[in-house]
Amino acid sequence: MSQVNFDAMSDAELRRYFLENRQDRAACQAYLDRFSQRPKSIIASPSDPDFDAKIQAAIRQKLESSPSSQPANSTVERTE
């Protein structure tokens, strides 16, 4: 089997490769290593009075930045 250069792959390429080659333990390890190296950000603490608003804003931002989440003419209604 030929060696695959995981470092040369983008995050999306590595993810796609791993999902198509689930038996490849090196691909799994490379994917997990890369994922664990990403910086973690704290959006809000549970005692924050604006906790719900900050979490909803972070989710909305993540959904808007995801290319696969661009629905055609659909709206999301807020429920209380």
PDB file of N, CA and C in Angstrom:
ATOM      1  N   MET A   1       0.842  -1.181   0.000  1.00  0.00           N
ATOM      2  CA  MET A   1       0.000   0.000   0.000  1.00  0.00           C
ATOM      3  C   MET A   1       0.886   1.243   0.000  1.00  0.00           C
ATOM      4  N   SER A   2       0.516   2.231  -0.796  1.00  0.00           N
ATOM      5  CA  SER A   2       1.331   3.436  -0.885  1.00  0.00           C
ATOM      6  C   SER A   2       1.085   4.346   0.318  1.00  0.00           C
ATOM      7  N   GLN A   3       2.087   5.144   0.644  1.00  0.00           N
ATOM      8  CA  GLN A   3       1.967   6.085   1.749  1.00  0.00           C
ATOM      9  C   GLN A   3       1.144   7.287   1.309  1.00  0.00           C
ATOM     10  N   VAL A   4       0.231   7.718   2.146  1.00  0.00           N
ATOM     11  CA  VAL A   4      -0.605   8.882   1.870  1.00  0.00           C
ATOM     12  C   VAL A   4      -0.097  10.025   2.737  1.00  0.00           C
ATOM     13  N   ASN A   5       0.083  11.198   2.143  1.00  0.00           N
ATOM     14  CA  ASN A   5       0.572  12.357   2.874  1.00  0.00           C
ATOM     15  C   ASN A   5      -0.617  13.128   3.445  1.00  0.00           C
ATOM     16  N   PHE A   6      -0.978  12.845   4.680  1.00  0.00           N
ATOM     17  CA  PHE A   6      -2.122  13.491   5.309  1.00  0.00           C
ATOM     18  C   PHE A   6      -1.856  14.969   5.564  1.00  0.00           C
ATOM     19  N   ASP A   7      -0.601  15.335   5.792  1.00  0.00           N
ATOM     20  CA  ASP A   7      -0.263  16.732   6.057  1.00  0.00           C
ATOM     21  C   ASP A   7      -0.534  17.624   4.846  1.00  0.00           C
ATOM     22  N   ALA A   8      -0.455  17.041   3.657  1.00  0.00           N
ATOM     23  CA  ALA A   8      -0.686  17.816   2.442  1.00  0.00           C
ATOM     24  C   ALA A   8      -2.172  18.002   2.149  1.00  0.00           C
ATOM     25  N   MET A   9      -3.029  17.280   2.862  1.00  0.00           N
ATOM     26  CA  MET A   9      -4.474  17.354   2.630  1.00  0.00           C
ATOM     27  C   MET A   9      -5.099  18.487   3.427  1.00  0.00           C
ATOM     28  N   SER A  10      -6.114  19.088   2.847  1.00  0.00           N
ATOM     29  CA  SER A  10      -6.898  20.073   3.596  1.00  0.00           C
ATOM     30  C   SER A  10      -7.746  19.309   4.613  1.00  0.00           C
ATOM     31  N   ASP A  11      -8.369  20.028   5.530  1.00  0.00           N
ATOM     32  CA  ASP A  11      -9.238  19.379   6.511  1.00  0.00           C
ATOM     33  C   ASP A  11     -10.351  18.604   5.808  1.00  0.00           C
ATOM     34  N   ALA A  12     -10.955  19.215   4.800  1.00  0.00           N
ATOM     35  CA  ALA A  12     -12.050  18.569   4.080  1.00  0.00           C
ATOM     36  C   ALA A  12     -11.559  17.325   3.333  1.00  0.00           C
ATOM     37  N   GLU A  13     -10.391  17.412   2.731  1.00  0.00           N
ATOM     38  CA  GLU A  13      -9.837  16.258   2.012  1.00  0.00           C
ATOM     39  C   GLU A  13      -9.520  15.113   2.966  1.00  0.00           C
ATOM     40  N   LEU A  14      -8.936  15.443   4.113  1.00  0.00           N
ATOM     41  CA  LEU A  14      -8.602  14.420   5.094  1.00  0.00           C
ATOM     42  C   LEU A  14      -9.868  13.760   5.635  1.00  0.00           C
ATOM     43  N   ARG A  15     -10.856  14.556   5.919  1.00  0.00           N
ATOM     44  CA  ARG A  15     -12.128  14.014   6.413  1.00  0.00           C
ATOM     45  C   ARG A  15     -12.741  13.080   5.368  1.00  0.00           C
ATOM     46  N   ARG A  16     -12.783  13.532   4.122  1.00  0.00           N
ATOM     47  CA  ARG A  16     -13.348  12.714   3.047  1.00  0.00           C
ATOM     48  C   ARG A  16     -12.561  11.408   2.887  1.00  0.00           C
ATOM     49  N   TYR A  17     -11.230  11.500   2.910  1.00  0.00           N
ATOM     50  CA  TYR A  17     -10.387  10.309   2.785  1.00  0.00           C
ATOM     51  C   TYR A  17     -10.667   9.337   3.925  1.00  0.00           C
ATOM     52  N   PHE A  18     -10.719   9.870   5.142  1.00  0.00           N
ATOM     53  CA  PHE A  18     -10.965   9.015   6.296  1.00  0.00           C
ATOM     54  C   PHE A  18     -12.325   8.325   6.200  1.00  0.00           C
ATOM     55  N   LEU A  19     -13.362   9.073   5.805  1.00  0.00           N
ATOM     56  CA  LEU A  19     -14.696   8.480   5.707  1.00  0.00           C
ATOM     57  C   LEU A  19     -14.768   7.413   4.616  1.00  0.00           C
ATOM     58  N   GLU A  20     -13.972   7.579   3.571  1.00  0.00           N
ATOM     59  CA  GLU A  20     -13.955   6.581   2.488  1.00  0.00           C
ATOM     60  C   GLU A  20     -13.025   5.408   2.792  1.00  0.00           C
ATOM     61  N   ASN A  21     -12.135   5.574   3.769  1.00  0.00           N
ATOM     62  CA  ASN A  21     -11.152   4.540   4.119  1.00  0.00           C
ATOM     63  C   ASN A  21     -11.132   4.322   5.627  1.00  0.00           C
ATOM     64  N   ARG A  22     -12.254   3.970   6.168  1.00  0.00           N
ATOM     65  CA  ARG A  22     -12.397   3.850   7.625  1.00  0.00           C
ATOM     66  C   ARG A  22     -11.478   2.811   8.243  1.00  0.00           C
ATOM     67  N   GLN A  23     -11.030   1.858   7.466  1.00  0.00           N
ATOM     68  CA  GLN A  23     -10.134   0.829   7.993  1.00  0.00           C
ATOM     69  C   GLN A  23      -8.703   1.332   8.120  1.00  0.00           C
ATOM     70  N   ASP A  24      -8.394   2.489   7.563  1.00  0.00           N
ATOM     71  CA  ASP A  24      -7.044   3.055   7.589  1.00  0.00           C
ATOM     72  C   ASP A  24      -6.815   3.731   8.947  1.00  0.00           C
ATOM     73  N   ARG A  25      -6.138   3.035   9.835  1.00  0.00           N
ATOM     74  CA  ARG A  25      -5.902   3.562  11.186  1.00  0.00           C
ATOM     75  C   ARG A  25      -5.037   4.827  11.182  1.00  0.00           C
ATOM     76  N   ALA A  26      -4.111   4.910  10.254  1.00  0.00           N
ATOM     77  CA  ALA A  26      -3.258   6.102  10.166  1.00  0.00           C
ATOM     78  C   ALA A  26      -4.098   7.316   9.784  1.00  0.00           C
ATOM     79  N   ALA A  27      -5.067   7.136   8.910  1.00  0.00           N
ATOM     80  CA  ALA A  27      -5.955   8.238   8.518  1.00  0.00           C
ATOM     81  C   ALA A  27      -6.803   8.678   9.701  1.00  0.00           C
ATOM     82  N   CYS A  28      -7.292   7.715  10.440  1.00  0.00           N
ATOM     83  CA  CYS A  28      -8.080   8.027  11.640  1.00  0.00           C
ATOM     84  C   CYS A  28      -7.240   8.820  12.631  1.00  0.00           C
ATOM     85  N   GLN A  29      -6.028   8.357  12.880  1.00  0.00           N
ATOM     86  CA  GLN A  29      -5.156   9.045  13.837  1.00  0.00           C
ATOM     87  C   GLN A  29      -4.812  10.452  13.361  1.00  0.00           C
ATOM     88  N   ALA A  30      -4.537  10.612  12.069  1.00  0.00           N
ATOM     89  CA  ALA A  30      -4.225  11.930  11.514  1.00  0.00           C
ATOM     90  C   ALA A  30      -5.413  12.869  11.663  1.00  0.00           C
ATOM     91  N   TYR A  31      -6.602  12.355  11.410  1.00  0.00           N
ATOM     92  CA  TYR A  31      -7.814  13.171  11.537  1.00  0.00           C
ATOM     93  C   TYR A  31      -8.036  13.586  12.993  1.00  0.00           C
ATOM     94  N   LEU A  32      -7.919  12.643  13.908  1.00  0.00           N
ATOM     95  CA  LEU A  32      -8.104  12.957  15.329  1.00  0.00           C
ATOM     96  C   LEU A  32      -7.034  13.916  15.837  1.00  0.00           C
ATOM     97  N   ASP A  33      -5.781  13.727  15.402  1.00  0.00           N
ATOM     98  CA  ASP A  33      -4.704  14.629  15.811  1.00  0.00           C
ATOM     99  C   ASP A  33      -4.978  16.052  15.336  1.00  0.00           C
ATOM    100  N   ARG A  34      -5.374  16.170  14.091  1.00  0.00           N
ATOM    101  CA  ARG A  34      -5.642  17.503  13.546  1.00  0.00           C
ATOM    102  C   ARG A  34      -6.812  18.151  14.268  1.00  0.00           C
ATOM    103  N   PHE A  35      -7.858  17.380  14.516  1.00  0.00           N
ATOM    104  CA  PHE A  35      -9.038  17.916  15.191  1.00  0.00           C
ATOM    105  C   PHE A  35      -8.709  18.368  16.614  1.00  0.00           C
ATOM    106  N   SER A  36      -7.886  17.587  17.315  1.00  0.00           N
ATOM    107  CA  SER A  36      -7.560  17.925  18.705  1.00  0.00           C
ATOM    108  C   SER A  36      -6.613  19.118  18.815  1.00  0.00           C
ATOM    109  N   GLN A  37      -5.934  19.479  17.732  1.00  0.00           N
ATOM    110  CA  GLN A  37      -5.018  20.614  17.754  1.00  0.00           C
ATOM    111  C   GLN A  37      -5.713  21.950  17.522  1.00  0.00           C
ATOM    112  N   ARG A  38      -6.968  21.905  17.134  1.00  0.00           N
ATOM    113  CA  ARG A  38      -7.699  23.150  16.890  1.00  0.00           C
ATOM    114  C   ARG A  38      -7.914  23.885  18.208  1.00  0.00           C
ATOM    115  N   PRO A  39      -7.831  25.201  18.169  1.00  0.00           N
ATOM    116  CA  PRO A  39      -8.056  25.962  19.397  1.00  0.00           C
ATOM    117  C   PRO A  39      -9.514  25.858  19.838  1.00  0.00           C
ATOM    118  N   LYS A  40      -9.707  25.751  21.108  1.00  0.00           N
ATOM    119  CA  LYS A  40     -11.046  25.675  21.679  1.00  0.00           C
ATOM    120  C   LYS A  40     -11.431  27.067  22.167  1.00  0.00           C
ATOM    121  N   SER A  41     -12.634  27.476  21.872  1.00  0.00           N
ATOM    122  CA  SER A  41     -13.085  28.783  22.349  1.00  0.00           C
ATOM    123  C   SER A  41     -14.268  28.588  23.279  1.00  0.00           C
ATOM    124  N   ILE A  42     -14.309  29.409  24.293  1.00  0.00           N
ATOM    125  CA  ILE A  42     -15.407  29.371  25.253  1.00  0.00           C
ATOM    126  C   ILE A  42     -16.398  30.458  24.841  1.00  0.00           C
ATOM    127  N   ILE A  43     -17.599  30.024  24.529  1.00  0.00           N
ATOM    128  CA  ILE A  43     -18.627  30.956  24.056  1.00  0.00           C
ATOM    129  C   ILE A  43     -19.263  31.677  25.234  1.00  0.00           C
ATOM    130  N   ALA A  44     -19.634  30.920  26.255  1.00  0.00           N
ATOM    131  CA  ALA A  44     -20.276  31.496  27.440  1.00  0.00           C
ATOM    132  C   ALA A  44     -20.159  30.502  28.585  1.00  0.00           C
ATOM    133  N   SER A  45     -20.182  31.027  29.783  1.00  0.00           N
ATOM    134  CA  SER A  45     -20.183  30.143  30.952  1.00  0.00           C
ATOM    135  C   SER A  45     -21.636  29.970  31.404  1.00  0.00           C
ATOM    136  N   PRO A  46     -21.948  28.896  32.087  1.00  0.00           N
ATOM    137  CA  PRO A  46     -23.331  28.659  32.520  1.00  0.00           C
ATOM    138  C   PRO A  46     -23.909  29.772  33.396  1.00  0.00           C
ATOM    139  N   SER A  47     -23.064  30.493  34.099  1.00  0.00           N
ATOM    140  CA  SER A  47     -23.553  31.576  34.960  1.00  0.00           C
ATOM    141  C   SER A  47     -23.727  32.895  34.217  1.00  0.00           C
ATOM    142  N   ASP A  48     -23.379  32.932  32.946  1.00  0.00           N
ATOM    143  CA  ASP A  48     -23.506  34.148  32.130  1.00  0.00           C
ATOM    144  C   ASP A  48     -24.983  34.474  31.928  1.00  0.00           C
ATOM    145  N   PRO A  49     -25.406  35.704  32.237  1.00  0.00           N
ATOM    146  CA  PRO A  49     -26.829  36.054  32.069  1.00  0.00           C
ATOM    147  C   PRO A  49     -27.289  36.009  30.606  1.00  0.00           C
ATOM    148  N   ASP A  50     -26.383  36.142  29.659  1.00  0.00           N
ATOM    149  CA  ASP A  50     -26.727  36.090  28.239  1.00  0.00           C
ATOM    150  C   ASP A  50     -26.371  34.745  27.616  1.00  0.00           C
ATOM    151  N   PHE A  51     -26.328  33.697  28.442  1.00  0.00           N
ATOM    152  CA  PHE A  51     -25.908  32.368  27.987  1.00  0.00           C
ATOM    153  C   PHE A  51     -26.697  31.908  26.761  1.00  0.00           C
ATOM    154  N   ASP A  52     -28.027  31.918  26.836  1.00  0.00           N
ATOM    155  CA  ASP A  52     -28.853  31.425  25.732  1.00  0.00           C
ATOM    156  C   ASP A  52     -28.616  32.213  24.448  1.00  0.00           C
ATOM    157  N   ALA A  53     -28.563  33.516  24.552  1.00  0.00           N
ATOM    158  CA  ALA A  53     -28.368  34.354  23.362  1.00  0.00           C
ATOM    159  C   ALA A  53     -27.009  34.098  22.728  1.00  0.00           C
ATOM    160  N   LYS A  54     -25.976  33.946  23.542  1.00  0.00           N
ATOM    161  CA  LYS A  54     -24.627  33.697  23.014  1.00  0.00           C
ATOM    162  C   LYS A  54     -24.539  32.332  22.338  1.00  0.00           C
ATOM    163  N   ILE A  55     -25.165  31.328  22.931  1.00  0.00           N
ATOM    164  CA  ILE A  55     -25.152  29.988  22.337  1.00  0.00           C
ATOM    165  C   ILE A  55     -25.916  30.005  21.017  1.00  0.00           C
ATOM    166  N   GLN A  56     -27.074  30.619  20.991  1.00  0.00           N
ATOM    167  CA  GLN A  56     -27.860  30.693  19.754  1.00  0.00           C
ATOM    168  C   GLN A  56     -27.104  31.453  18.666  1.00  0.00           C
ATOM    169  N   ALA A  57     -26.430  32.528  19.025  1.00  0.00           N
ATOM    170  CA  ALA A  57     -25.651  33.295  18.050  1.00  0.00           C
ATOM    171  C   ALA A  57     -24.497  32.458  17.503  1.00  0.00           C
ATOM    172  N   ALA A  58     -23.834  31.690  18.360  1.00  0.00           N
ATOM    173  CA  ALA A  58     -22.718  30.853  17.918  1.00  0.00           C
ATOM    174  C   ALA A  58     -23.216  29.743  16.982  1.00  0.00           C
ATOM    175  N   ILE A  59     -24.351  29.158  17.300  1.00  0.00           N
ATOM    176  CA  ILE A  59     -24.922  28.121  16.434  1.00  0.00           C
ATOM    177  C   ILE A  59     -25.311  28.716  15.095  1.00  0.00           C
ATOM    178  N   ARG A  60     -25.962  29.862  15.118  1.00  0.00           N
ATOM    179  CA  ARG A  60     -26.373  30.537  13.885  1.00  0.00           C
ATOM    180  C   ARG A  60     -25.157  30.857  13.011  1.00  0.00           C
ATOM    181  N   GLN A  61     -24.099  31.365  13.626  1.00  0.00           N
ATOM    182  CA  GLN A  61     -22.883  31.699  12.886  1.00  0.00           C
ATOM    183  C   GLN A  61     -22.271  30.454  12.261  1.00  0.00           C
ATOM    184  N   LYS A  62     -22.236  29.363  13.011  1.00  0.00           N
ATOM    185  CA  LYS A  62     -21.675  28.116  12.501  1.00  0.00           C
ATOM    186  C   LYS A  62     -22.498  27.594  11.323  1.00  0.00           C
ATOM    187  N   LEU A  63     -23.809  27.644  11.450  1.00  0.00           N
ATOM    188  CA  LEU A  63     -24.676  27.187  10.371  1.00  0.00           C
ATOM    189  C   LEU A  63     -24.531  28.045   9.117  1.00  0.00           C
ATOM    190  N   GLU A  64     -24.405  29.342   9.301  1.00  0.00           N
ATOM    191  CA  GLU A  64     -24.264  30.245   8.159  1.00  0.00           C
ATOM    192  C   GLU A  64     -22.924  30.086   7.461  1.00  0.00           C
ATOM    193  N   SER A  65     -21.897  29.672   8.198  1.00  0.00           N
ATOM    194  CA  SER A  65     -20.573  29.526   7.595  1.00  0.00           C
ATOM    195  C   SER A  65     -20.371  28.157   6.955  1.00  0.00           C
ATOM    196  N   SER A  66     -21.295  27.233   7.190  1.00  0.00           N
ATOM    197  CA  SER A  66     -21.185  25.887   6.630  1.00  0.00           C
ATOM    198  C   SER A  66     -21.744  25.861   5.216  1.00  0.00           C
ATOM    199  N   PRO A  67     -20.925  25.456   4.217  1.00  0.00           N
ATOM    200  CA  PRO A  67     -21.395  25.445   2.836  1.00  0.00           C
ATOM    201  C   PRO A  67     -22.532  24.460   2.589  1.00  0.00           C
ATOM    202  N   SER A  68     -22.618  23.407   3.373  1.00  0.00           N
ATOM    203  CA  SER A  68     -23.673  22.416   3.167  1.00  0.00           C
ATOM    204  C   SER A  68     -24.983  22.813   3.827  1.00  0.00           C
ATOM    205  N   SER A  69     -24.991  23.929   4.524  1.00  0.00           N
ATOM    206  CA  SER A  69     -26.198  24.332   5.239  1.00  0.00           C
ATOM    207  C   SER A  69     -26.955  25.457   4.539  1.00  0.00           C
ATOM    208  N   GLN A  70     -26.686  25.669   3.283  1.00  0.00           N
ATOM    209  CA  GLN A  70     -27.357  26.723   2.546  1.00  0.00           C
ATOM    210  C   GLN A  70     -28.615  26.174   1.883  1.00  0.00           C
ATOM    211  N   PRO A  71     -29.742  26.114   2.626  1.00  0.00           N
ATOM    212  CA  PRO A  71     -30.968  25.568   2.057  1.00  0.00           C
ATOM    213  C   PRO A  71     -31.568  26.522   1.030  1.00  0.00           C
ATOM    214  N   ALA A  72     -32.280  25.957   0.099  1.00  0.00           N
ATOM    215  CA  ALA A  72     -32.932  26.759  -0.939  1.00  0.00           C
ATOM    216  C   ALA A  72     -34.311  27.158  -0.453  1.00  0.00           C
ATOM    217  N   ASN A  73     -34.509  28.457  -0.222  1.00  0.00           N
ATOM    218  CA  ASN A  73     -35.804  29.016   0.145  1.00  0.00           C
ATOM    219  C   ASN A  73     -36.456  28.361   1.357  1.00  0.00           C
ATOM    220  N   SER A  74     -35.708  28.058   2.371  1.00  0.00           N
ATOM    221  CA  SER A  74     -36.324  27.538   3.590  1.00  0.00           C
ATOM    222  C   SER A  74     -35.960  28.475   4.735  1.00  0.00           C
ATOM    223  N   THR A  75     -36.886  28.579   5.673  1.00  0.00           N
ATOM    224  CA  THR A  75     -36.656  29.436   6.817  1.00  0.00           C
ATOM    225  C   THR A  75     -36.720  28.608   8.085  1.00  0.00           C
ATOM    226  N   VAL A  76     -36.036  29.070   9.076  1.00  0.00           N
ATOM    227  CA  VAL A  76     -36.054  28.419  10.375  1.00  0.00           C
ATOM    228  C   VAL A  76     -36.808  29.335  11.316  1.00  0.00           C
ATOM    229  N   GLU A  77     -37.836  28.784  11.957  1.00  0.00           N
ATOM    230  CA  GLU A  77     -38.613  29.584  12.881  1.00  0.00           C
ATOM    231  C   GLU A  77     -38.092  29.385  14.288  1.00  0.00           C
ATOM    232  N   ARG A  78     -38.079  30.451  15.037  1.00  0.00           N
ATOM    233  CA  ARG A  78     -37.607  30.398  16.412  1.00  0.00           C
ATOM    234  C   ARG A  78     -38.762  29.964  17.305  1.00  0.00           C
ATOM    235  N   THR A  79     -38.478  29.022  18.180  1.00  0.00           N
ATOM    236  CA  THR A  79     -39.482  28.566  19.126  1.00  0.00           C
ATOM    237  C   THR A  79     -39.086  28.998  20.514  1.00  0.00           C
ATOM    238  N   GLU A  80     -40.026  29.314  21.297  1.00  0.00           N
ATOM    239  CA  GLU A  80     -39.765  29.765  22.671  1.00  0.00           C
ATOM    240  C   GLU A  80     -40.272  28.739  23.626  1.00  0.00           C
TER     241      GLU A  80
END
